[in-house]
Amino acid sequence: MPHAFSRTLRSLDADRSRRGAWIAALAVLLLGLWTVWLVFARVPVFAASREARLVTERAVYALASPVAARVERVAVTLNQPVEAGAVLFQLDDRAARIARDEELARAAALERRIA
């Protein structure tokens, strides 16, 4: 009887191989690498559409003016493409024109006085 069991145990020992452990380790490693790629990879998305709309992260841009004034005229419409340096709106410049005219009148009066 011990001979039958010894052959069985030797057969079982011979049947145990490290190949299964290597395959399991490789599978776990590949699964881990795939998970890291899924979490951290940046994949561009390309899509075709007949009607598409591009929305950027910041769709609204703040505009600054060196002077405080009312907006008199808006020169652009919604969704109109604009280029750098294009006039977007015109500010009410009546106060600045009045101040300029006063300075010109003062300068003219001084020139007449000097003459």
PDB file of N, CA and C in Angstrom:
ATOM      1  N   MET A   1       0.785  -1.190   0.000  1.00  0.00           N
ATOM      2  CA  MET A   1       0.000   0.000   0.000  1.00  0.00           C
ATOM      3  C   MET A   1       0.842   1.275   0.000  1.00  0.00           C
ATOM      4  N   PRO A   2       1.953   1.328   0.709  1.00  0.00           N
ATOM      5  CA  PRO A   2       2.736   2.554   0.691  1.00  0.00           C
ATOM      6  C   PRO A   2       3.256   2.884  -0.703  1.00  0.00           C
ATOM      7  N   HIS A   3       3.454   1.844  -1.520  1.00  0.00           N
ATOM      8  CA  HIS A   3       3.952   2.110  -2.876  1.00  0.00           C
ATOM      9  C   HIS A   3       2.926   2.862  -3.703  1.00  0.00           C
ATOM     10  N   ALA A   4       1.689   2.532  -3.573  1.00  0.00           N
ATOM     11  CA  ALA A   4       0.647   3.206  -4.351  1.00  0.00           C
ATOM     12  C   ALA A   4       0.560   4.681  -3.959  1.00  0.00           C
ATOM     13  N   PHE A   5       0.656   4.913  -2.632  1.00  0.00           N
ATOM     14  CA  PHE A   5       0.594   6.309  -2.205  1.00  0.00           C
ATOM     15  C   PHE A   5       1.846   7.079  -2.577  1.00  0.00           C
ATOM     16  N   SER A   6       2.983   6.436  -2.551  1.00  0.00           N
ATOM     17  CA  SER A   6       4.202   7.153  -2.895  1.00  0.00           C
ATOM     18  C   SER A   6       4.189   7.560  -4.357  1.00  0.00           C
ATOM     19  N   ARG A   7       3.677   6.693  -5.217  1.00  0.00           N
ATOM     20  CA  ARG A   7       3.570   7.064  -6.620  1.00  0.00           C
ATOM     21  C   ARG A   7       2.579   8.210  -6.798  1.00  0.00           C
ATOM     22  N   THR A   8       1.517   8.153  -6.052  1.00  0.00           N
ATOM     23  CA  THR A   8       0.510   9.213  -6.153  1.00  0.00           C
ATOM     24  C   THR A   8       1.091  10.545  -5.693  1.00  0.00           C
ATOM     25  N   LEU A   9       1.805  10.520  -4.577  1.00  0.00           N
ATOM     26  CA  LEU A   9       2.406  11.759  -4.081  1.00  0.00           C
ATOM     27  C   LEU A   9       3.464  12.277  -5.037  1.00  0.00           C
ATOM     28  N   ARG A  10       4.285  11.370  -5.625  1.00  0.00           N
ATOM     29  CA  ARG A  10       5.279  11.817  -6.601  1.00  0.00           C
ATOM     30  C   ARG A  10       4.595  12.382  -7.843  1.00  0.00           C
ATOM     31  N   SER A  11       3.497  11.781  -8.232  1.00  0.00           N
ATOM     32  CA  SER A  11       2.761  12.283  -9.395  1.00  0.00           C
ATOM     33  C   SER A  11       2.202  13.673  -9.109  1.00  0.00           C
ATOM     34  N   LEU A  12       1.689  13.841  -7.907  1.00  0.00           N
ATOM     35  CA  LEU A  12       1.167  15.158  -7.546  1.00  0.00           C
ATOM     36  C   LEU A  12       2.280  16.195  -7.476  1.00  0.00           C
ATOM     37  N   ASP A  13       3.410  15.834  -6.919  1.00  0.00           N
ATOM     38  CA  ASP A  13       4.540  16.769  -6.849  1.00  0.00           C
ATOM     39  C   ASP A  13       5.037  17.119  -8.244  1.00  0.00           C
ATOM     40  N   ALA A  14       5.074  16.135  -9.125  1.00  0.00           N
ATOM     41  CA  ALA A  14       5.534  16.392 -10.489  1.00  0.00           C
ATOM     42  C   ALA A  14       4.513  17.241 -11.242  1.00  0.00           C
ATOM     43  N   ASP A  15       3.236  17.064 -10.906  1.00  0.00           N
ATOM     44  CA  ASP A  15       2.181  17.808 -11.597  1.00  0.00           C
ATOM     45  C   ASP A  15       2.141  19.274 -11.167  1.00  0.00           C
ATOM     46  N   ARG A  16       2.578  19.547  -9.941  1.00  0.00           N
ATOM     47  CA  ARG A  16       2.625  20.935  -9.480  1.00  0.00           C
ATOM     48  C   ARG A  16       3.764  21.652 -10.198  1.00  0.00           C
ATOM     49  N   SER A  17       3.416  22.641 -10.932  1.00  0.00           N
ATOM     50  CA  SER A  17       4.469  23.395 -11.608  1.00  0.00           C
ATOM     51  C   SER A  17       4.351  24.861 -11.231  1.00  0.00           C
ATOM     52  N   ARG A  18       5.379  25.573 -11.486  1.00  0.00           N
ATOM     53  CA  ARG A  18       5.398  27.011 -11.185  1.00  0.00           C
ATOM     54  C   ARG A  18       4.745  27.818 -12.307  1.00  0.00           C
ATOM     55  N   ARG A  19       4.396  27.152 -13.374  1.00  0.00           N
ATOM     56  CA  ARG A  19       3.814  27.854 -14.502  1.00  0.00           C
ATOM     57  C   ARG A  19       2.484  28.515 -14.121  1.00  0.00           C
ATOM     58  N   GLY A  20       1.671  27.880 -13.337  1.00  0.00           N
ATOM     59  CA  GLY A  20       0.403  28.458 -12.896  1.00  0.00           C
ATOM     60  C   GLY A  20       0.607  29.710 -12.060  1.00  0.00           C
ATOM     61  N   ALA A  21       1.591  29.690 -11.193  1.00  0.00           N
ATOM     62  CA  ALA A  21       1.900  30.852 -10.357  1.00  0.00           C
ATOM     63  C   ALA A  21       2.404  32.010 -11.221  1.00  0.00           C
ATOM     64  N   TRP A  22       3.220  31.687 -12.233  1.00  0.00           N
ATOM     65  CA  TRP A  22       3.739  32.729 -13.116  1.00  0.00           C
ATOM     66  C   TRP A  22       2.610  33.344 -13.942  1.00  0.00           C
ATOM     67  N   ILE A  23       1.700  32.529 -14.400  1.00  0.00           N
ATOM     68  CA  ILE A  23       0.570  33.039 -15.180  1.00  0.00           C
ATOM     69  C   ILE A  23      -0.319  33.922 -14.305  1.00  0.00           C
ATOM     70  N   ALA A  24      -0.569  33.504 -13.074  1.00  0.00           N
ATOM     71  CA  ALA A  24      -1.389  34.304 -12.159  1.00  0.00           C
ATOM     72  C   ALA A  24      -0.700  35.627 -11.839  1.00  0.00           C
ATOM     73  N   ALA A  25       0.615  35.607 -11.601  1.00  0.00           N
ATOM     74  CA  ALA A  25       1.363  36.836 -11.307  1.00  0.00           C
ATOM     75  C   ALA A  25       1.351  37.773 -12.508  1.00  0.00           C
ATOM     76  N   LEU A  26       1.500  37.206 -13.706  1.00  0.00           N
ATOM     77  CA  LEU A  26       1.477  38.022 -14.916  1.00  0.00           C
ATOM     78  C   LEU A  26       0.092  38.642 -15.127  1.00  0.00           C
ATOM     79  N   ALA A  27      -0.948  37.883 -14.859  1.00  0.00           N
ATOM     80  CA  ALA A  27      -2.308  38.400 -14.994  1.00  0.00           C
ATOM     81  C   ALA A  27      -2.560  39.538 -14.008  1.00  0.00           C
ATOM     82  N   VAL A  28      -2.112  39.382 -12.774  1.00  0.00           N
ATOM     83  CA  VAL A  28      -2.281  40.441 -11.771  1.00  0.00           C
ATOM     84  C   VAL A  28      -1.487  41.678 -12.167  1.00  0.00           C
ATOM     85  N   LEU A  29      -0.268  41.486 -12.672  1.00  0.00           N
ATOM     86  CA  LEU A  29       0.560  42.613 -13.109  1.00  0.00           C
ATOM     87  C   LEU A  29      -0.099  43.348 -14.273  1.00  0.00           C
ATOM     88  N   LEU A  30      -0.587  42.622 -15.256  1.00  0.00           N
ATOM     89  CA  LEU A  30      -1.252  43.257 -16.397  1.00  0.00           C
ATOM     90  C   LEU A  30      -2.525  43.976 -15.968  1.00  0.00           C
ATOM     91  N   LEU A  31      -3.277  43.383 -15.077  1.00  0.00           N
ATOM     92  CA  LEU A  31      -4.485  44.028 -14.568  1.00  0.00           C
ATOM     93  C   LEU A  31      -4.144  45.310 -13.815  1.00  0.00           C
ATOM     94  N   GLY A  32      -3.067  45.289 -13.034  1.00  0.00           N
ATOM     95  CA  GLY A  32      -2.632  46.491 -12.314  1.00  0.00           C
ATOM     96  C   GLY A  32      -2.178  47.589 -13.262  1.00  0.00           C
ATOM     97  N   LEU A  33      -1.392  47.223 -14.289  1.00  0.00           N
ATOM     98  CA  LEU A  33      -0.944  48.213 -15.269  1.00  0.00           C
ATOM     99  C   LEU A  33      -2.126  48.796 -16.044  1.00  0.00           C
ATOM    100  N   TRP A  34      -3.075  47.964 -16.381  1.00  0.00           N
ATOM    101  CA  TRP A  34      -4.252  48.430 -17.102  1.00  0.00           C
ATOM    102  C   TRP A  34      -5.066  49.391 -16.239  1.00  0.00           C
ATOM    103  N   THR A  35      -5.190  49.090 -14.957  1.00  0.00           N
ATOM    104  CA  THR A  35      -5.914  49.968 -14.043  1.00  0.00           C
ATOM    105  C   THR A  35      -5.217  51.323 -13.922  1.00  0.00           C
ATOM    106  N   VAL A  36      -3.889  51.315 -13.811  1.00  0.00           N
ATOM    107  CA  VAL A  36      -3.133  52.571 -13.747  1.00  0.00           C
ATOM    108  C   VAL A  36      -3.345  53.368 -15.023  1.00  0.00           C
ATOM    109  N   TRP A  37      -3.320  52.711 -16.165  1.00  0.00           N
ATOM    110  CA  TRP A  37      -3.531  53.408 -17.435  1.00  0.00           C
ATOM    111  C   TRP A  37      -4.943  54.000 -17.504  1.00  0.00           C
ATOM    112  N   LEU A  38      -5.939  53.255 -17.049  1.00  0.00           N
ATOM    113  CA  LEU A  38      -7.315  53.748 -17.072  1.00  0.00           C
ATOM    114  C   LEU A  38      -7.489  54.983 -16.200  1.00  0.00           C
ATOM    115  N   VAL A  39      -6.791  55.026 -15.083  1.00  0.00           N
ATOM    116  CA  VAL A  39      -6.947  56.136 -14.152  1.00  0.00           C
ATOM    117  C   VAL A  39      -6.178  57.377 -14.616  1.00  0.00           C
ATOM    118  N   PHE A  40      -4.953  57.193 -15.121  1.00  0.00           N
ATOM    119  CA  PHE A  40      -4.082  58.337 -15.383  1.00  0.00           C
ATOM    120  C   PHE A  40      -3.904  58.697 -16.855  1.00  0.00           C
ATOM    121  N   ALA A  41      -4.346  57.900 -17.788  1.00  0.00           N
ATOM    122  CA  ALA A  41      -4.108  58.175 -19.206  1.00  0.00           C
ATOM    123  C   ALA A  41      -5.023  59.284 -19.707  1.00  0.00           C
ATOM    124  N   ARG A  42      -4.501  60.090 -20.602  1.00  0.00           N
ATOM    125  CA  ARG A  42      -5.300  61.118 -21.268  1.00  0.00           C
ATOM    126  C   ARG A  42      -5.516  60.633 -22.698  1.00  0.00           C
ATOM    127  N   VAL A  43      -6.747  60.366 -22.999  1.00  0.00           N
ATOM    128  CA  VAL A  43      -7.088  59.827 -24.308  1.00  0.00           C
ATOM    129  C   VAL A  43      -7.921  60.864 -25.052  1.00  0.00           C
ATOM    130  N   PRO A  44      -7.452  61.325 -26.222  1.00  0.00           N
ATOM    131  CA  PRO A  44      -8.256  62.287 -26.972  1.00  0.00           C
ATOM    132  C   PRO A  44      -9.487  61.603 -27.561  1.00  0.00           C
ATOM    133  N   VAL A  45     -10.566  62.375 -27.642  1.00  0.00           N
ATOM    134  CA  VAL A  45     -11.805  61.845 -28.186  1.00  0.00           C
ATOM    135  C   VAL A  45     -12.086  62.565 -29.499  1.00  0.00           C
ATOM    136  N   PHE A  46     -12.238  61.804 -30.550  1.00  0.00           N
ATOM    137  CA  PHE A  46     -12.567  62.348 -31.857  1.00  0.00           C
ATOM    138  C   PHE A  46     -13.969  61.877 -32.217  1.00  0.00           C
ATOM    139  N   ALA A  47     -14.819  62.814 -32.584  1.00  0.00           N
ATOM    140  CA  ALA A  47     -16.193  62.457 -32.925  1.00  0.00           C
ATOM    141  C   ALA A  47     -16.621  63.269 -34.144  1.00  0.00           C
ATOM    142  N   ALA A  48     -17.396  62.657 -34.989  1.00  0.00           N
ATOM    143  CA  ALA A  48     -17.925  63.328 -36.166  1.00  0.00           C
ATOM    144  C   ALA A  48     -19.389  63.652 -35.930  1.00  0.00           C
ATOM    145  N   SER A  49     -19.776  64.849 -36.364  1.00  0.00           N
ATOM    146  CA  SER A  49     -21.152  65.272 -36.170  1.00  0.00           C
ATOM    147  C   SER A  49     -21.527  66.269 -37.257  1.00  0.00           C
ATOM    148  N   ARG A  50     -22.779  66.270 -37.639  1.00  0.00           N
ATOM    149  CA  ARG A  50     -23.233  67.266 -38.617  1.00  0.00           C
ATOM    150  C   ARG A  50     -23.373  68.632 -37.960  1.00  0.00           C
ATOM    151  N   GLU A  51     -23.845  68.651 -36.740  1.00  0.00           N
ATOM    152  CA  GLU A  51     -23.964  69.894 -35.983  1.00  0.00           C
ATOM    153  C   GLU A  51     -23.153  69.722 -34.709  1.00  0.00           C
ATOM    154  N   ALA A  52     -22.042  70.427 -34.634  1.00  0.00           N
ATOM    155  CA  ALA A  52     -21.172  70.287 -33.468  1.00  0.00           C
ATOM    156  C   ALA A  52     -20.989  71.645 -32.811  1.00  0.00           C
ATOM    157  N   ARG A  53     -20.669  71.606 -31.555  1.00  0.00           N
ATOM    158  CA  ARG A  53     -20.411  72.826 -30.804  1.00  0.00           C
ATOM    159  C   ARG A  53     -19.210  72.569 -29.920  1.00  0.00           C
ATOM    160  N   LEU A  54     -18.233  73.444 -30.008  1.00  0.00           N
ATOM    161  CA  LEU A  54     -17.028  73.308 -29.214  1.00  0.00           C
ATOM    162  C   LEU A  54     -17.156  74.184 -27.991  1.00  0.00           C
ATOM    163  N   VAL A  55     -17.031  73.589 -26.818  1.00  0.00           N
ATOM    164  CA  VAL A  55     -17.117  74.329 -25.571  1.00  0.00           C
ATOM    165  C   VAL A  55     -15.772  74.184 -24.878  1.00  0.00           C
ATOM    166  N   THR A  56     -15.138  75.296 -24.589  1.00  0.00           N
ATOM    167  CA  THR A  56     -13.856  75.252 -23.901  1.00  0.00           C
ATOM    168  C   THR A  56     -14.083  75.221 -22.404  1.00  0.00           C
ATOM    169  N   GLU A  57     -13.000  75.024 -21.675  1.00  0.00           N
ATOM    170  CA  GLU A  57     -13.115  75.001 -20.218  1.00  0.00           C
ATOM    171  C   GLU A  57     -13.654  76.323 -19.693  1.00  0.00           C
ATOM    172  N   ARG A  58     -13.165  77.409 -20.264  1.00  0.00           N
ATOM    173  CA  ARG A  58     -13.604  78.740 -19.854  1.00  0.00           C
ATOM    174  C   ARG A  58     -14.302  79.396 -21.015  1.00  0.00           C
ATOM    175  N   ALA A  59     -15.593  79.231 -21.130  1.00  0.00           N
ATOM    176  CA  ALA A  59     -16.335  79.780 -22.257  1.00  0.00           C
ATOM    177  C   ALA A  59     -16.548  81.281 -22.111  1.00  0.00           C
ATOM    178  N   VAL A  60     -16.474  81.823 -20.918  1.00  0.00           N
ATOM    179  CA  VAL A  60     -16.681  83.249 -20.686  1.00  0.00           C
ATOM    180  C   VAL A  60     -15.338  83.874 -20.317  1.00  0.00           C
ATOM    181  N   TYR A  61     -15.007  84.958 -20.986  1.00  0.00           N
ATOM    182  CA  TYR A  61     -13.745  85.640 -20.721  1.00  0.00           C
ATOM    183  C   TYR A  61     -14.036  87.032 -20.179  1.00  0.00           C
ATOM    184  N   ALA A  62     -13.338  87.408 -19.143  1.00  0.00           N
ATOM    185  CA  ALA A  62     -13.511  88.729 -18.549  1.00  0.00           C
ATOM    186  C   ALA A  62     -12.741  89.751 -19.373  1.00  0.00           C
ATOM    187  N   LEU A  63     -13.362  90.873 -19.643  1.00  0.00           N
ATOM    188  CA  LEU A  63     -12.721  91.958 -20.371  1.00  0.00           C
ATOM    189  C   LEU A  63     -12.534  93.119 -19.414  1.00  0.00           C
ATOM    190  N   ALA A  64     -11.382  93.759 -19.495  1.00  0.00           N
ATOM    191  CA  ALA A  64     -11.081  94.874 -18.601  1.00  0.00           C
ATOM    192  C   ALA A  64     -10.928  96.156 -19.417  1.00  0.00           C
ATOM    193  N   SER A  65     -11.382  97.245 -18.855  1.00  0.00           N
ATOM    194  CA  SER A  65     -11.256  98.553 -19.484  1.00  0.00           C
ATOM    195  C   SER A  65     -10.436  99.448 -18.566  1.00  0.00           C
ATOM    196  N   PRO A  66      -9.552 100.253 -19.136  1.00  0.00           N
ATOM    197  CA  PRO A  66      -8.750 101.142 -18.282  1.00  0.00           C
ATOM    198  C   PRO A  66      -9.569 102.295 -17.698  1.00  0.00           C
ATOM    199  N   VAL A  67     -10.765 102.535 -18.206  1.00  0.00           N
ATOM    200  CA  VAL A  67     -11.622 103.608 -17.701  1.00  0.00           C
ATOM    201  C   VAL A  67     -12.986 103.038 -17.348  1.00  0.00           C
ATOM    202  N   ALA A  68     -13.669 103.718 -16.454  1.00  0.00           N
ATOM    203  CA  ALA A  68     -15.028 103.319 -16.094  1.00  0.00           C
ATOM    204  C   ALA A  68     -16.001 104.095 -16.956  1.00  0.00           C
ATOM    205  N   ALA A  69     -16.830 103.377 -17.701  1.00  0.00           N
ATOM    206  CA  ALA A  69     -17.806 104.031 -18.573  1.00  0.00           C
ATOM    207  C   ALA A  69     -18.915 103.049 -18.910  1.00  0.00           C
ATOM    208  N   ARG A  70     -20.001 103.599 -19.475  1.00  0.00           N
ATOM    209  CA  ARG A  70     -21.099 102.746 -19.928  1.00  0.00           C
ATOM    210  C   ARG A  70     -20.798 102.205 -21.316  1.00  0.00           C
ATOM    211  N   VAL A  71     -21.345 101.047 -21.595  1.00  0.00           N
ATOM    212  CA  VAL A  71     -21.223 100.482 -22.936  1.00  0.00           C
ATOM    213  C   VAL A  71     -22.268 101.163 -23.808  1.00  0.00           C
ATOM    214  N   GLU A  72     -21.803 101.781 -24.888  1.00  0.00           N
ATOM    215  CA  GLU A  72     -22.687 102.523 -25.777  1.00  0.00           C
ATOM    216  C   GLU A  72     -23.153 101.678 -26.955  1.00  0.00           C
ATOM    217  N   ARG A  73     -22.257 100.860 -27.489  1.00  0.00           N
ATOM    218  CA  ARG A  73     -22.579 100.058 -28.662  1.00  0.00           C
ATOM    219  C   ARG A  73     -21.809  98.749 -28.599  1.00  0.00           C
ATOM    220  N   VAL A  74     -22.487  97.652 -28.917  1.00  0.00           N
ATOM    221  CA  VAL A  74     -21.850  96.331 -28.972  1.00  0.00           C
ATOM    222  C   VAL A  74     -21.639  95.988 -30.436  1.00  0.00           C
ATOM    223  N   ALA A  75     -20.410  95.668 -30.812  1.00  0.00           N
ATOM    224  CA  ALA A  75     -20.072  95.443 -32.216  1.00  0.00           C
ATOM    225  C   ALA A  75     -20.042  93.968 -32.607  1.00  0.00           C
ATOM    226  N   VAL A  76     -20.327  93.073 -31.698  1.00  0.00           N
ATOM    227  CA  VAL A  76     -20.301  91.643 -32.008  1.00  0.00           C
ATOM    228  C   VAL A  76     -21.634  91.017 -31.630  1.00  0.00           C
ATOM    229  N   THR A  77     -21.883  89.852 -32.205  1.00  0.00           N
ATOM    230  CA  THR A  77     -23.083  89.100 -31.867  1.00  0.00           C
ATOM    231  C   THR A  77     -22.672  87.800 -31.188  1.00  0.00           C
ATOM    232  N   LEU A  78     -23.627  87.129 -30.637  1.00  0.00           N
ATOM    233  CA  LEU A  78     -23.386  85.869 -29.956  1.00  0.00           C
ATOM    234  C   LEU A  78     -22.856  84.835 -30.944  1.00  0.00           C
ATOM    235  N   ASN A  79     -21.839  84.100 -30.551  1.00  0.00           N
ATOM    236  CA  ASN A  79     -21.190  83.045 -31.347  1.00  0.00           C
ATOM    237  C   ASN A  79     -20.466  83.566 -32.580  1.00  0.00           C
ATOM    238  N   GLN A  80     -20.195  84.847 -32.637  1.00  0.00           N
ATOM    239  CA  GLN A  80     -19.443  85.403 -33.759  1.00  0.00           C
ATOM    240  C   GLN A  80     -17.957  85.226 -33.479  1.00  0.00           C
ATOM    241  N   PRO A  81     -17.199  84.681 -34.421  1.00  0.00           N
ATOM    242  CA  PRO A  81     -15.752  84.567 -34.195  1.00  0.00           C
ATOM    243  C   PRO A  81     -15.099  85.950 -34.240  1.00  0.00           C
ATOM    244  N   VAL A  82     -14.152  86.178 -33.365  1.00  0.00           N
ATOM    245  CA  VAL A  82     -13.446  87.457 -33.318  1.00  0.00           C
ATOM    246  C   VAL A  82     -11.949  87.202 -33.391  1.00  0.00           C
ATOM    247  N   GLU A  83     -11.232  88.201 -33.840  1.00  0.00           N
ATOM    248  CA  GLU A  83      -9.780  88.116 -33.930  1.00  0.00           C
ATOM    249  C   GLU A  83      -9.171  89.097 -32.937  1.00  0.00           C
ATOM    250  N   ALA A  84      -7.900  88.911 -32.678  1.00  0.00           N
ATOM    251  CA  ALA A  84      -7.201  89.798 -31.748  1.00  0.00           C
ATOM    252  C   ALA A  84      -7.193  91.215 -32.312  1.00  0.00           C
ATOM    253  N   GLY A  85      -7.505  92.173 -31.490  1.00  0.00           N
ATOM    254  CA  GLY A  85      -7.513  93.575 -31.892  1.00  0.00           C
ATOM    255  C   GLY A  85      -8.842  94.057 -32.446  1.00  0.00           C
ATOM    256  N   ALA A  86      -9.815  93.174 -32.590  1.00  0.00           N
ATOM    257  CA  ALA A  86     -11.124  93.577 -33.121  1.00  0.00           C
ATOM    258  C   ALA A  86     -11.883  94.378 -32.072  1.00  0.00           C
ATOM    259  N   VAL A  87     -12.696  95.337 -32.522  1.00  0.00           N
ATOM    260  CA  VAL A  87     -13.507  96.142 -31.614  1.00  0.00           C
ATOM    261  C   VAL A  87     -14.712  95.310 -31.198  1.00  0.00           C
ATOM    262  N   LEU A  88     -14.866  95.110 -29.911  1.00  0.00           N
ATOM    263  CA  LEU A  88     -15.981  94.325 -29.398  1.00  0.00           C
ATOM    264  C   LEU A  88     -17.139  95.209 -28.977  1.00  0.00           C
ATOM    265  N   PHE A  89     -16.826  96.337 -28.345  1.00  0.00           N
ATOM    266  CA  PHE A  89     -17.867  97.263 -27.922  1.00  0.00           C
ATOM    267  C   PHE A  89     -17.270  98.654 -27.821  1.00  0.00           C
ATOM    268  N   GLN A  90     -18.156  99.658 -27.831  1.00  0.00           N
ATOM    269  CA  GLN A  90     -17.713 101.043 -27.728  1.00  0.00           C
ATOM    270  C   GLN A  90     -18.242 101.621 -26.433  1.00  0.00           C
ATOM    271  N   LEU A  91     -17.365 102.279 -25.705  1.00  0.00           N
ATOM    272  CA  LEU A  91     -17.753 102.882 -24.436  1.00  0.00           C
ATOM    273  C   LEU A  91     -18.259 104.311 -24.666  1.00  0.00           C
ATOM    274  N   ASP A  92     -19.101 104.778 -23.765  1.00  0.00           N
ATOM    275  CA  ASP A  92     -19.608 106.152 -23.808  1.00  0.00           C
ATOM    276  C   ASP A  92     -18.452 107.077 -23.429  1.00  0.00           C
ATOM    277  N   ASP A  93     -18.034 107.914 -24.381  1.00  0.00           N
ATOM    278  CA  ASP A  93     -16.862 108.772 -24.151  1.00  0.00           C
ATOM    279  C   ASP A  93     -17.228 110.251 -24.060  1.00  0.00           C
ATOM    280  N   ARG A  94     -18.488 110.567 -23.742  1.00  0.00           N
ATOM    281  CA  ARG A  94     -18.907 111.974 -23.662  1.00  0.00           C
ATOM    282  C   ARG A  94     -18.114 112.747 -22.612  1.00  0.00           C
ATOM    283  N   ALA A  95     -17.891 112.152 -21.445  1.00  0.00           N
ATOM    284  CA  ALA A  95     -17.152 112.856 -20.382  1.00  0.00           C
ATOM    285  C   ALA A  95     -15.722 113.124 -20.816  1.00  0.00           C
ATOM    286  N   ALA A  96     -15.102 112.175 -21.481  1.00  0.00           N
ATOM    287  CA  ALA A  96     -13.727 112.374 -21.942  1.00  0.00           C
ATOM    288  C   ALA A  96     -13.672 113.436 -23.040  1.00  0.00           C
ATOM    289  N   ARG A  97     -14.677 113.422 -23.948  1.00  0.00           N
ATOM    290  CA  ARG A  97     -14.707 114.450 -25.012  1.00  0.00           C
ATOM    291  C   ARG A  97     -14.918 115.841 -24.426  1.00  0.00           C
ATOM    292  N   ILE A  98     -15.768 115.963 -23.438  1.00  0.00           N
ATOM    293  CA  ILE A  98     -16.010 117.263 -22.793  1.00  0.00           C
ATOM    294  C   ILE A  98     -14.737 117.761 -22.113  1.00  0.00           C
ATOM    295  N   ALA A  99     -14.049 116.872 -21.411  1.00  0.00           N
ATOM    296  CA  ALA A  99     -12.801 117.268 -20.749  1.00  0.00           C
ATOM    297  C   ALA A  99     -11.754 117.683 -21.778  1.00  0.00           C
ATOM    298  N   ARG A 100     -11.676 116.945 -22.905  1.00  0.00           N
ATOM    299  CA  ARG A 100     -10.719 117.305 -23.956  1.00  0.00           C
ATOM    300  C   ARG A 100     -11.055 118.659 -24.560  1.00  0.00           C
ATOM    301  N   ASP A 101     -12.340 118.892 -24.838  1.00  0.00           N
ATOM    302  CA  ASP A 101     -12.753 120.179 -25.411  1.00  0.00           C
ATOM    303  C   ASP A 101     -12.462 121.332 -24.455  1.00  0.00           C
ATOM    304  N   GLU A 102     -12.668 121.123 -23.161  1.00  0.00           N
ATOM    305  CA  GLU A 102     -12.344 122.170 -22.181  1.00  0.00           C
ATOM    306  C   GLU A 102     -10.858 122.483 -22.185  1.00  0.00           C
ATOM    307  N   GLU A 103     -10.016 121.443 -22.259  1.00  0.00           N
ATOM    308  CA  GLU A 103      -8.563 121.669 -22.283  1.00  0.00           C
ATOM    309  C   GLU A 103      -8.140 122.392 -23.562  1.00  0.00           C
ATOM    310  N   LEU A 104      -8.748 122.027 -24.690  1.00  0.00           N
ATOM    311  CA  LEU A 104      -8.424 122.718 -25.950  1.00  0.00           C
ATOM    312  C   LEU A 104      -8.847 124.181 -25.892  1.00  0.00           C
ATOM    313  N   ALA A 105     -10.027 124.448 -25.314  1.00  0.00           N
ATOM    314  CA  ALA A 105     -10.490 125.839 -25.187  1.00  0.00           C
ATOM    315  C   ALA A 105      -9.581 126.623 -24.251  1.00  0.00           C
ATOM    316  N   ARG A 106      -9.143 125.996 -23.166  1.00  0.00           N
ATOM    317  CA  ARG A 106      -8.235 126.657 -22.225  1.00  0.00           C
ATOM    318  C   ARG A 106      -6.900 126.965 -22.901  1.00  0.00           C
ATOM    319  N   ALA A 107      -6.391 126.002 -23.687  1.00  0.00           N
ATOM    320  CA  ALA A 107      -5.120 126.214 -24.393  1.00  0.00           C
ATOM    321  C   ALA A 107      -5.266 127.333 -25.427  1.00  0.00           C
ATOM    322  N   ALA A 108      -6.399 127.364 -26.129  1.00  0.00           N
ATOM    323  CA  ALA A 108      -6.626 128.433 -27.115  1.00  0.00           C
ATOM    324  C   ALA A 108      -6.705 129.796 -26.433  1.00  0.00           C
ATOM    325  N   ALA A 109      -7.359 129.859 -25.274  1.00  0.00           N
ATOM    326  CA  ALA A 109      -7.469 131.117 -24.547  1.00  0.00           C
ATOM    327  C   ALA A 109      -6.084 131.586 -24.080  1.00  0.00           C
ATOM    328  N   LEU A 110      -5.254 130.625 -23.628  1.00  0.00           N
ATOM    329  CA  LEU A 110      -3.906 130.997 -23.196  1.00  0.00           C
ATOM    330  C   LEU A 110      -3.064 131.495 -24.358  1.00  0.00           C
ATOM    331  N   GLU A 111      -3.236 130.873 -25.525  1.00  0.00           N
ATOM    332  CA  GLU A 111      -2.464 131.319 -26.697  1.00  0.00           C
ATOM    333  C   GLU A 111      -2.878 132.744 -27.104  1.00  0.00           C
ATOM    334  N   ARG A 112      -4.178 133.044 -27.035  1.00  0.00           N
ATOM    335  CA  ARG A 112      -4.649 134.419 -27.364  1.00  0.00           C
ATOM    336  C   ARG A 112      -4.123 135.409 -26.324  1.00  0.00           C
ATOM    337  N   ARG A 113      -4.081 134.997 -25.097  1.00  0.00           N
ATOM    338  CA  ARG A 113      -3.594 135.881 -24.043  1.00  0.00           C
ATOM    339  C   ARG A 113      -2.111 136.163 -24.202  1.00  0.00           C
ATOM    340  N   ILE A 114      -1.366 135.105 -24.581  1.00  0.00           N
ATOM    341  CA  ILE A 114       0.077 135.304 -24.780  1.00  0.00           C
ATOM    342  C   ILE A 114       0.320 136.211 -25.981  1.00  0.00           C
ATOM    343  N   ALA A 115      -0.466 136.047 -27.026  1.00  0.00           N
ATOM    344  CA  ALA A 115      -0.282 136.857 -28.253  1.00  0.00           C
ATOM    345  C   ALA A 115      -0.698 138.289 -27.931  1.00  0.00           C
TER     346      ALA A 115
END
